[in-house]
Amino acid sequence: MKPQEYQQLVKENQPPRHVWKNVLLAFLVGGAICLVGQAVLEFVSGVERTTDEAAAVTLAIMILIGSILTGLGIYDEIAEQGGAGAAVPITGFSNTITAAAMEFRREGFILGMGAKMFVIAGPVLVYGILSGFVVALIKAVVLGHF
């Protein structure tokens, strides 16, 4: 079979892409997660003294919610429908870490869960910290803090 014939065969048998449906679902799922996060923040703001403390507690609660939903198998269904809308918020990061921990728990706590959890999440942490540093450096140079 020639490469052109193979490409034609792939094109004919490929399922149709529903781009606008996927965009709408990602928007709705991401918005729903953010709505829950905002509700948690509003509740926690009444308990905590400062906005920074309330934000930290809110992040911890959203990570906990994402982990619990992953453990119950619910977050996978949400992510399947919501795509990037479920992957981008902090709950998506929590899902990644928890799913890796669940998958490799049989290999032990250190070399299984401990090591494999960050195989997937490690690049997110590295590039997140690196990009934060670069943005802070650019801001310092632009504002003349050096």
N, C-alpha and C. Protein backbone atom coordinates (compact mmCIF):
# COMPACT_ATOMS: atom_id res chain seq x y z
N MET A 1 0.85 -1.17 0.00
CA MET A 1 0.00 0.00 0.00
C MET A 1 0.89 1.24 0.00
N LYS A 2 0.59 2.16 -0.87
CA LYS A 2 1.36 3.39 -0.98
C LYS A 2 0.95 4.35 0.14
N PRO A 3 1.86 5.26 0.50
CA PRO A 3 1.54 6.22 1.57
C PRO A 3 0.30 7.07 1.28
N GLN A 4 0.10 7.44 0.02
CA GLN A 4 -1.07 8.24 -0.33
C GLN A 4 -2.35 7.44 -0.12
N GLU A 5 -2.31 6.16 -0.49
CA GLU A 5 -3.49 5.31 -0.30
C GLU A 5 -3.79 5.13 1.19
N TYR A 6 -2.73 4.97 1.97
CA TYR A 6 -2.91 4.81 3.41
C TYR A 6 -3.52 6.08 4.01
N GLN A 7 -3.02 7.24 3.62
CA GLN A 7 -3.57 8.50 4.13
C GLN A 7 -5.04 8.66 3.75
N GLN A 8 -5.39 8.26 2.55
CA GLN A 8 -6.78 8.33 2.11
C GLN A 8 -7.65 7.39 2.94
N LEU A 9 -7.14 6.20 3.22
CA LEU A 9 -7.87 5.23 4.04
C LEU A 9 -8.08 5.75 5.46
N VAL A 10 -7.06 6.37 6.01
CA VAL A 10 -7.17 6.96 7.35
C VAL A 10 -8.21 8.07 7.34
N LYS A 11 -8.18 8.91 6.33
CA LYS A 11 -9.12 10.03 6.24
C LYS A 11 -10.56 9.55 6.13
N GLU A 12 -10.78 8.47 5.39
CA GLU A 12 -12.13 7.94 5.21
C GLU A 12 -12.67 7.30 6.48
N ASN A 13 -11.80 6.69 7.28
CA ASN A 13 -12.24 5.95 8.47
C ASN A 13 -12.12 6.75 9.76
N GLN A 14 -11.66 7.97 9.67
CA GLN A 14 -11.50 8.80 10.86
C GLN A 14 -12.86 9.33 11.30
N PRO A 15 -13.15 9.26 12.61
CA PRO A 15 -14.44 9.79 13.07
C PRO A 15 -14.50 11.31 12.87
N PRO A 16 -15.69 11.85 12.66
CA PRO A 16 -15.80 13.30 12.46
C PRO A 16 -15.44 14.06 13.73
N ARG A 17 -14.83 15.22 13.54
CA ARG A 17 -14.45 16.07 14.68
C ARG A 17 -15.56 17.09 14.91
N HIS A 18 -15.93 17.22 16.15
CA HIS A 18 -16.97 18.17 16.54
C HIS A 18 -16.32 19.30 17.34
N VAL A 19 -15.64 20.19 16.62
CA VAL A 19 -14.83 21.22 17.27
C VAL A 19 -15.67 22.15 18.12
N TRP A 20 -16.76 22.68 17.59
CA TRP A 20 -17.55 23.66 18.34
C TRP A 20 -18.23 23.02 19.54
N LYS A 21 -18.64 21.78 19.41
CA LYS A 21 -19.22 21.07 20.55
C LYS A 21 -18.17 20.90 21.64
N ASN A 22 -16.94 20.52 21.25
CA ASN A 22 -15.86 20.35 22.22
C ASN A 22 -15.49 21.66 22.90
N VAL A 23 -15.48 22.74 22.13
CA VAL A 23 -15.17 24.06 22.70
C VAL A 23 -16.25 24.45 23.71
N LEU A 24 -17.50 24.25 23.36
CA LEU A 24 -18.60 24.59 24.26
C LEU A 24 -18.56 23.76 25.53
N LEU A 25 -18.32 22.46 25.40
CA LEU A 25 -18.24 21.60 26.58
C LEU A 25 -17.06 21.97 27.46
N ALA A 26 -15.92 22.29 26.86
CA ALA A 26 -14.75 22.71 27.65
C ALA A 26 -15.06 24.00 28.40
N PHE A 27 -15.73 24.92 27.74
CA PHE A 27 -16.10 26.19 28.38
C PHE A 27 -17.06 25.95 29.54
N LEU A 28 -18.05 25.11 29.33
CA LEU A 28 -19.04 24.86 30.38
C LEU A 28 -18.44 24.09 31.56
N VAL A 29 -17.63 23.08 31.28
CA VAL A 29 -17.02 22.30 32.36
C VAL A 29 -16.01 23.15 33.13
N GLY A 30 -15.17 23.87 32.41
CA GLY A 30 -14.21 24.76 33.08
C GLY A 30 -14.91 25.83 33.88
N GLY A 31 -15.98 26.38 33.34
CA GLY A 31 -16.76 27.38 34.07
C GLY A 31 -17.41 26.81 35.31
N ALA A 32 -17.91 25.58 35.21
CA ALA A 32 -18.53 24.94 36.38
C ALA A 32 -17.50 24.69 37.47
N ILE A 33 -16.31 24.26 37.10
CA ILE A 33 -15.25 24.05 38.10
C ILE A 33 -14.88 25.38 38.74
N CYS A 34 -14.77 26.42 37.95
CA CYS A 34 -14.45 27.74 38.49
C CYS A 34 -15.58 28.27 39.37
N LEU A 35 -16.81 27.97 39.02
CA LEU A 35 -17.96 28.37 39.83
C LEU A 35 -17.90 27.69 41.20
N VAL A 36 -17.57 26.41 41.22
CA VAL A 36 -17.41 25.70 42.50
C VAL A 36 -16.26 26.31 43.30
N GLY A 37 -15.16 26.60 42.62
CA GLY A 37 -14.02 27.23 43.29
C GLY A 37 -14.37 28.58 43.87
N GLN A 38 -15.15 29.36 43.14
CA GLN A 38 -15.56 30.68 43.64
C GLN A 38 -16.48 30.54 44.84
N ALA A 39 -17.38 29.56 44.79
CA ALA A 39 -18.27 29.32 45.94
C ALA A 39 -17.47 28.91 47.17
N VAL A 40 -16.48 28.05 46.97
CA VAL A 40 -15.62 27.65 48.09
C VAL A 40 -14.86 28.86 48.63
N LEU A 41 -14.34 29.71 47.74
CA LEU A 41 -13.62 30.91 48.15
C LEU A 41 -14.51 31.85 48.95
N GLU A 42 -15.74 32.04 48.50
CA GLU A 42 -16.66 32.91 49.23
C GLU A 42 -16.94 32.38 50.62
N PHE A 43 -17.12 31.06 50.72
CA PHE A 43 -17.38 30.45 52.03
C PHE A 43 -16.16 30.58 52.93
N VAL A 44 -14.98 30.26 52.39
CA VAL A 44 -13.75 30.28 53.19
C VAL A 44 -13.37 31.70 53.58
N SER A 45 -13.70 32.68 52.75
CA SER A 45 -13.38 34.08 53.05
C SER A 45 -14.07 34.55 54.33
N GLY A 46 -15.21 33.96 54.64
CA GLY A 46 -15.90 34.31 55.87
C GLY A 46 -15.23 33.73 57.10
N VAL A 47 -14.40 32.73 56.91
CA VAL A 47 -13.74 32.06 58.04
C VAL A 47 -12.31 32.57 58.23
N GLU A 48 -11.58 32.74 57.14
CA GLU A 48 -10.18 33.15 57.21
C GLU A 48 -10.06 34.66 57.35
N ARG A 49 -8.92 35.10 57.88
CA ARG A 49 -8.71 36.53 58.14
C ARG A 49 -8.34 37.31 56.89
N THR A 50 -7.47 36.73 56.06
CA THR A 50 -6.99 37.47 54.89
C THR A 50 -7.38 36.76 53.60
N THR A 51 -7.31 37.50 52.53
CA THR A 51 -7.62 36.94 51.21
C THR A 51 -6.60 35.88 50.81
N ASP A 52 -5.33 36.10 51.16
CA ASP A 52 -4.29 35.11 50.83
C ASP A 52 -4.55 33.78 51.54
N GLU A 53 -4.94 33.84 52.81
CA GLU A 53 -5.25 32.61 53.54
C GLU A 53 -6.45 31.91 52.94
N ALA A 54 -7.46 32.68 52.57
CA ALA A 54 -8.67 32.10 51.97
C ALA A 54 -8.34 31.46 50.63
N ALA A 55 -7.47 32.09 49.85
CA ALA A 55 -7.08 31.53 48.55
C ALA A 55 -6.32 30.22 48.73
N ALA A 56 -5.43 30.17 49.71
CA ALA A 56 -4.66 28.94 49.95
C ALA A 56 -5.57 27.80 50.39
N VAL A 57 -6.51 28.09 51.27
CA VAL A 57 -7.45 27.05 51.72
C VAL A 57 -8.34 26.61 50.57
N THR A 58 -8.76 27.54 49.73
CA THR A 58 -9.59 27.21 48.57
C THR A 58 -8.84 26.28 47.62
N LEU A 59 -7.57 26.58 47.36
CA LEU A 59 -6.78 25.69 46.49
C LEU A 59 -6.67 24.30 47.09
N ALA A 60 -6.44 24.23 48.39
CA ALA A 60 -6.34 22.92 49.05
C ALA A 60 -7.65 22.14 48.94
N ILE A 61 -8.76 22.83 49.11
CA ILE A 61 -10.07 22.17 49.02
C ILE A 61 -10.34 21.71 47.59
N MET A 62 -10.01 22.53 46.60
CA MET A 62 -10.23 22.14 45.20
C MET A 62 -9.34 20.96 44.81
N ILE A 63 -8.11 20.93 45.33
CA ILE A 63 -7.23 19.79 45.08
C ILE A 63 -7.81 18.54 45.72
N LEU A 64 -8.34 18.67 46.93
CA LEU A 64 -8.97 17.54 47.62
C LEU A 64 -10.18 17.04 46.84
N ILE A 65 -11.01 17.96 46.36
CA ILE A 65 -12.19 17.58 45.58
C ILE A 65 -11.76 16.84 44.31
N GLY A 66 -10.75 17.37 43.61
CA GLY A 66 -10.26 16.71 42.40
C GLY A 66 -9.73 15.31 42.69
N SER A 67 -9.02 15.16 43.80
CA SER A 67 -8.47 13.85 44.16
C SER A 67 -9.57 12.86 44.51
N ILE A 68 -10.56 13.31 45.26
CA ILE A 68 -11.67 12.42 45.63
C ILE A 68 -12.44 11.99 44.39
N LEU A 69 -12.74 12.95 43.51
CA LEU A 69 -13.47 12.61 42.29
C LEU A 69 -12.67 11.67 41.39
N THR A 70 -11.35 11.82 41.39
CA THR A 70 -10.50 10.90 40.62
C THR A 70 -10.54 9.51 41.23
N GLY A 71 -10.43 9.43 42.55
CA GLY A 71 -10.48 8.15 43.23
C GLY A 71 -11.78 7.41 43.02
N LEU A 72 -12.87 8.16 42.91
CA LEU A 72 -14.18 7.56 42.68
C LEU A 72 -14.45 7.27 41.20
N GLY A 73 -13.55 7.72 40.32
CA GLY A 73 -13.72 7.49 38.88
C GLY A 73 -14.63 8.50 38.21
N ILE A 74 -15.04 9.52 38.93
CA ILE A 74 -15.96 10.52 38.38
C ILE A 74 -15.21 11.56 37.53
N TYR A 75 -14.01 11.95 37.97
CA TYR A 75 -13.29 13.00 37.26
C TYR A 75 -12.91 12.56 35.85
N ASP A 76 -12.67 11.28 35.65
CA ASP A 76 -12.36 10.79 34.31
C ASP A 76 -13.52 11.02 33.36
N GLU A 77 -14.74 10.81 33.85
CA GLU A 77 -15.93 11.06 33.03
C GLU A 77 -16.08 12.55 32.73
N ILE A 78 -15.82 13.39 33.74
CA ILE A 78 -15.89 14.84 33.55
C ILE A 78 -14.86 15.27 32.52
N ALA A 79 -13.63 14.75 32.65
CA ALA A 79 -12.56 15.13 31.73
C ALA A 79 -12.81 14.63 30.31
N GLU A 80 -13.45 13.48 30.20
CA GLU A 80 -13.75 12.95 28.87
C GLU A 80 -14.71 13.88 28.12
N GLN A 81 -15.66 14.43 28.82
CA GLN A 81 -16.61 15.35 28.20
C GLN A 81 -16.05 16.77 28.09
N GLY A 82 -15.36 17.22 29.15
CA GLY A 82 -14.93 18.61 29.22
C GLY A 82 -13.58 18.91 28.62
N GLY A 83 -12.77 17.91 28.35
CA GLY A 83 -11.47 18.13 27.72
C GLY A 83 -10.61 19.11 28.49
N ALA A 84 -10.16 20.15 27.81
CA ALA A 84 -9.28 21.15 28.42
C ALA A 84 -9.98 21.91 29.54
N GLY A 85 -11.29 21.99 29.50
CA GLY A 85 -12.02 22.66 30.58
C GLY A 85 -11.85 21.96 31.90
N ALA A 86 -11.58 20.66 31.88
CA ALA A 86 -11.33 19.90 33.10
C ALA A 86 -9.84 19.74 33.38
N ALA A 87 -9.01 19.87 32.36
CA ALA A 87 -7.57 19.66 32.53
C ALA A 87 -6.84 20.90 33.02
N VAL A 88 -7.29 22.08 32.65
CA VAL A 88 -6.57 23.30 32.96
C VAL A 88 -6.68 23.74 34.42
N PRO A 89 -7.83 23.67 35.07
CA PRO A 89 -7.89 24.11 36.48
C PRO A 89 -7.02 23.24 37.39
N ILE A 90 -6.84 23.68 38.62
CA ILE A 90 -6.01 22.95 39.59
C ILE A 90 -6.55 21.55 39.84
N THR A 91 -7.83 21.34 39.64
CA THR A 91 -8.40 20.01 39.81
C THR A 91 -7.87 19.05 38.76
N GLY A 92 -7.53 19.54 37.58
CA GLY A 92 -6.93 18.71 36.55
C GLY A 92 -5.54 18.25 36.94
N PHE A 93 -4.77 19.14 37.56
CA PHE A 93 -3.45 18.78 38.06
C PHE A 93 -3.58 17.75 39.18
N SER A 94 -4.55 17.95 40.05
CA SER A 94 -4.83 17.00 41.12
C SER A 94 -5.20 15.64 40.54
N ASN A 95 -6.00 15.65 39.50
CA ASN A 95 -6.39 14.41 38.82
C ASN A 95 -5.17 13.67 38.29
N THR A 96 -4.25 14.39 37.69
CA THR A 96 -3.04 13.79 37.13
C THR A 96 -2.21 13.12 38.22
N ILE A 97 -1.98 13.83 39.30
CA ILE A 97 -1.17 13.29 40.41
C ILE A 97 -1.86 12.07 41.03
N THR A 98 -3.16 12.20 41.31
CA THR A 98 -3.89 11.11 41.97
C THR A 98 -3.98 9.88 41.08
N ALA A 99 -4.24 10.07 39.79
CA ALA A 99 -4.34 8.93 38.88
C ALA A 99 -3.01 8.18 38.80
N ALA A 100 -1.90 8.93 38.75
CA ALA A 100 -0.59 8.28 38.71
C ALA A 100 -0.32 7.53 40.02
N ALA A 101 -0.70 8.13 41.14
CA ALA A 101 -0.51 7.47 42.43
C ALA A 101 -1.33 6.18 42.51
N MET A 102 -2.55 6.22 42.03
CA MET A 102 -3.39 5.03 42.05
C MET A 102 -2.84 3.94 41.14
N GLU A 103 -2.32 4.34 40.00
CA GLU A 103 -1.82 3.37 39.03
C GLU A 103 -0.57 2.65 39.53
N PHE A 104 0.31 3.36 40.21
CA PHE A 104 1.59 2.79 40.60
C PHE A 104 1.68 2.44 42.08
N ARG A 105 0.57 2.41 42.80
CA ARG A 105 0.62 2.12 44.24
C ARG A 105 1.10 0.70 44.53
N ARG A 106 0.91 -0.22 43.62
CA ARG A 106 1.35 -1.61 43.84
C ARG A 106 2.87 -1.75 43.82
N GLU A 107 3.55 -0.78 43.24
CA GLU A 107 5.01 -0.85 43.16
C GLU A 107 5.68 -0.31 44.42
N GLY A 108 4.91 0.09 45.40
CA GLY A 108 5.46 0.59 46.66
C GLY A 108 5.29 2.09 46.79
N PHE A 109 5.50 2.55 48.02
CA PHE A 109 5.28 3.98 48.29
C PHE A 109 6.41 4.86 47.75
N ILE A 110 7.64 4.38 47.82
CA ILE A 110 8.77 5.21 47.40
C ILE A 110 9.00 5.13 45.90
N LEU A 111 9.31 3.94 45.41
CA LEU A 111 9.64 3.77 43.99
C LEU A 111 8.40 3.67 43.11
N GLY A 112 7.26 3.43 43.69
CA GLY A 112 6.02 3.36 42.93
C GLY A 112 5.33 4.71 42.92
N MET A 113 4.54 4.93 43.97
CA MET A 113 3.75 6.17 44.04
C MET A 113 4.63 7.41 44.07
N GLY A 114 5.62 7.42 44.96
CA GLY A 114 6.44 8.62 45.13
C GLY A 114 7.17 9.03 43.87
N ALA A 115 7.71 8.07 43.16
CA ALA A 115 8.49 8.39 41.96
C ALA A 115 7.62 8.62 40.74
N LYS A 116 6.61 7.80 40.56
CA LYS A 116 5.82 7.85 39.32
C LYS A 116 4.81 8.99 39.30
N MET A 117 4.40 9.47 40.50
CA MET A 117 3.44 10.58 40.51
C MET A 117 4.00 11.79 39.78
N PHE A 118 5.29 12.03 39.96
CA PHE A 118 5.88 13.25 39.42
C PHE A 118 6.50 13.06 38.05
N VAL A 119 6.42 11.85 37.49
CA VAL A 119 6.88 11.65 36.12
C VAL A 119 6.00 12.47 35.18
N ILE A 120 4.71 12.45 35.44
CA ILE A 120 3.77 13.21 34.62
C ILE A 120 3.70 14.66 35.08
N ALA A 121 3.64 14.87 36.39
CA ALA A 121 3.44 16.21 36.92
C ALA A 121 4.74 17.02 37.01
N GLY A 122 5.89 16.36 36.96
CA GLY A 122 7.16 17.05 37.08
C GLY A 122 7.37 18.16 36.06
N PRO A 123 7.15 17.88 34.77
CA PRO A 123 7.32 18.95 33.78
C PRO A 123 6.38 20.14 34.02
N VAL A 124 5.19 19.88 34.52
CA VAL A 124 4.26 20.98 34.83
C VAL A 124 4.86 21.86 35.91
N LEU A 125 5.40 21.24 36.94
CA LEU A 125 6.02 22.00 38.02
C LEU A 125 7.25 22.76 37.54
N VAL A 126 8.11 22.10 36.80
CA VAL A 126 9.34 22.73 36.33
C VAL A 126 9.04 23.93 35.45
N TYR A 127 8.18 23.75 34.45
CA TYR A 127 7.90 24.85 33.54
C TYR A 127 7.04 25.93 34.19
N GLY A 128 6.21 25.55 35.14
CA GLY A 128 5.44 26.55 35.89
C GLY A 128 6.34 27.44 36.71
N ILE A 129 7.28 26.85 37.42
CA ILE A 129 8.22 27.63 38.24
C ILE A 129 9.14 28.45 37.35
N LEU A 130 9.64 27.85 36.27
CA LEU A 130 10.53 28.56 35.36
C LEU A 130 9.84 29.75 34.70
N SER A 131 8.62 29.55 34.21
CA SER A 131 7.91 30.66 33.56
C SER A 131 7.56 31.75 34.58
N GLY A 132 7.23 31.38 35.81
CA GLY A 132 6.99 32.37 36.85
C GLY A 132 8.22 33.21 37.13
N PHE A 133 9.38 32.56 37.17
CA PHE A 133 10.64 33.27 37.38
C PHE A 133 10.93 34.23 36.23
N VAL A 134 10.74 33.76 35.00
CA VAL A 134 11.01 34.60 33.83
C VAL A 134 10.09 35.82 33.81
N VAL A 135 8.81 35.61 34.10
CA VAL A 135 7.85 36.73 34.12
C VAL A 135 8.22 37.72 35.23
N ALA A 136 8.59 37.23 36.41
CA ALA A 136 8.99 38.11 37.50
C ALA A 136 10.25 38.89 37.14
N LEU A 137 11.19 38.24 36.46
CA LEU A 137 12.41 38.91 36.03
C LEU A 137 12.11 40.00 35.02
N ILE A 138 11.26 39.70 34.05
CA ILE A 138 10.87 40.71 33.05
C ILE A 138 10.17 41.88 33.73
N LYS A 139 9.28 41.59 34.66
CA LYS A 139 8.57 42.66 35.38
C LYS A 139 9.56 43.53 36.15
N ALA A 140 10.54 42.91 36.80
CA ALA A 140 11.52 43.67 37.57
C ALA A 140 12.36 44.56 36.66
N VAL A 141 12.73 44.06 35.49
CA VAL A 141 13.52 44.85 34.55
C VAL A 141 12.69 46.00 33.99
N VAL A 142 11.45 45.72 33.60
CA VAL A 142 10.58 46.75 33.01
C VAL A 142 10.27 47.85 34.03
N LEU A 143 10.01 47.47 35.27
CA LEU A 143 9.67 48.46 36.30
C LEU A 143 10.90 49.10 36.93
N GLY A 144 12.10 48.66 36.53
CA GLY A 144 13.33 49.27 37.00
C GLY A 144 13.70 48.91 38.43
N HIS A 145 13.37 47.73 38.87
CA HIS A 145 13.71 47.31 40.22
C HIS A 145 15.14 46.80 40.34
N PHE A 146 15.87 46.77 39.22
CA PHE A 146 17.27 46.34 39.27
C PHE A 146 18.17 47.53 39.25
